[in-house]
Protein backbone atom coordinates (compact mmCIF):
# COMPACT_ATOMS: atom_id res chain seq x y z
CA MET A 1 -1.32 79.80 38.26
CA SER A 2 -3.67 82.73 38.14
CA ASP A 3 -6.18 83.21 35.36
CA GLN A 4 -4.92 86.57 34.13
CA PRO A 5 -6.19 88.00 30.86
CA PHE A 6 -2.65 88.04 29.47
CA CYS A 7 0.13 85.48 29.40
CA SER A 8 1.17 85.00 33.01
CA TYR A 9 4.51 83.50 32.03
CA ALA A 10 6.13 86.07 29.81
CA PHE A 11 9.50 84.98 28.51
CA GLY A 12 12.25 85.36 31.07
CA SER A 13 9.99 86.75 33.79
CA ALA A 14 8.76 83.56 35.44
CA GLN A 15 9.21 79.83 35.31
CA MET A 16 6.42 77.28 34.99
CA GLN A 17 6.25 75.37 38.26
CA THR A 18 5.73 71.61 38.25
CA THR A 19 2.62 72.03 40.39
CA ASP A 20 1.19 74.54 37.89
CA PHE A 21 1.79 72.24 34.96
CA THR A 22 0.43 69.19 36.81
CA ALA A 23 -2.76 71.07 37.67
CA ILE A 24 -3.17 72.27 34.08
CA LEU A 25 -2.59 68.77 32.73
CA GLN A 26 -5.17 67.37 35.16
CA THR A 27 -7.64 70.03 34.00
CA LEU A 28 -7.23 68.89 30.41
CA GLN A 29 -7.39 65.21 31.30
CA SER A 30 -10.66 65.78 33.13
CA GLY A 31 -12.13 67.27 29.94
CA LYS A 32 -12.18 70.89 31.14
CA ASP A 33 -11.05 73.85 29.08
CA LEU A 34 -8.04 76.03 29.83
CA SER A 35 -8.13 79.80 29.95
CA SER A 36 -6.21 81.79 27.39
CA ALA A 37 -3.68 82.76 30.09
CA GLN A 38 -3.12 79.15 31.14
CA MET A 39 -2.55 78.05 27.56
CA CYS A 40 -0.23 80.97 26.93
CA GLY A 41 1.77 80.06 30.01
CA VAL A 42 2.23 76.45 28.99
CA ILE A 43 3.18 77.25 25.40
CA ALA A 44 5.56 79.98 26.57
CA TRP A 45 7.18 77.41 28.85
CA PHE A 46 7.46 74.93 25.98
CA LEU A 47 9.16 77.58 23.85
CA THR A 48 11.84 78.20 26.48
CA GLY A 49 13.12 74.67 25.91
CA GLU A 50 12.81 73.84 29.62
CA ALA A 51 9.87 71.43 29.27
CA GLN A 52 10.64 67.75 28.95
CA PRO A 53 9.43 66.01 25.77
CA GLU A 54 7.27 63.68 27.89
CA SER A 55 5.47 66.66 29.44
CA MET A 56 4.89 68.23 26.06
CA HIS A 57 3.59 64.94 24.68
CA ALA A 58 1.18 64.41 27.58
CA PHE A 59 -0.12 67.97 27.24
CA LEU A 60 -0.61 67.90 23.48
CA VAL A 61 -2.27 64.48 23.49
CA SER A 62 -4.63 65.53 26.30
CA LEU A 63 -5.47 68.75 24.47
CA ALA A 64 -6.16 66.91 21.22
CA GLU A 65 -8.35 64.35 22.96
CA LYS A 66 -10.38 67.10 24.66
CA GLY A 67 -10.48 69.34 21.62
CA GLU A 68 -9.14 72.88 21.41
CA THR A 69 -11.26 75.93 22.22
CA VAL A 70 -10.99 79.42 20.78
CA ASP A 71 -9.57 80.72 24.08
CA GLU A 72 -6.90 78.01 24.08
CA LEU A 73 -5.91 78.83 20.50
CA VAL A 74 -5.77 82.53 21.37
CA GLY A 75 -3.46 81.74 24.30
CA ALA A 76 -1.18 79.62 22.13
CA ALA A 77 -1.03 82.31 19.45
CA ARG A 78 -0.26 84.93 22.10
CA ALA A 79 2.69 82.87 23.36
CA LEU A 80 4.01 82.45 19.84
CA ARG A 81 3.70 86.18 19.18
CA LEU A 82 5.54 86.95 22.43
CA SER A 83 8.40 84.71 21.31
CA MET A 84 8.86 86.38 17.94
CA VAL A 85 12.11 88.19 17.31
CA PRO A 86 11.47 91.45 15.48
CA ILE A 87 13.75 92.39 12.66
CA CYS A 88 14.53 95.91 11.56
CA VAL A 89 15.26 96.60 7.92
CA GLU A 90 15.55 99.78 5.97
CA ARG A 91 14.49 98.38 2.60
CA THR A 92 10.90 98.16 1.45
CA PRO A 93 8.98 96.32 0.25
CA ILE A 94 9.89 93.19 2.18
CA VAL A 95 9.01 89.72 0.89
CA ASP A 96 8.92 86.66 3.15
CA THR A 97 10.42 83.78 1.17
CA CYS A 98 10.34 81.21 3.95
CA GLY A 99 7.51 78.71 3.67
CA THR A 100 6.33 76.07 6.10
CA GLY A 101 7.23 73.14 3.87
CA GLY A 102 3.63 71.99 3.93
CA ASP A 103 3.08 72.22 0.20
CA GLY A 104 4.97 68.98 -0.44
CA THR A 105 7.36 70.48 -3.00
CA LYS A 106 10.41 69.94 -0.75
CA THR A 107 11.69 73.46 -1.40
């Protein structure tokens, strides 16, 4: 996987190869940081639903054990932004009434 400045695995344009993921996982497990593009690629792959839960678990545990960097967070955010589905509405103002559920009020 190349270290491009943008997400090298844009949705629908390429598939994460097992060898790519294995190399990225080994990088994390050796305590080395990922580039923003590498992180974006992995998270984009996760969001396609093609990654196995075991792969996702191994990746996230390895990342947490190493500790996240700013570049890795930027790559993850980039992948999430690429996966967003824009909505078009004619009314303004618009209010987002969907919370994360993290406030504990069970709404």
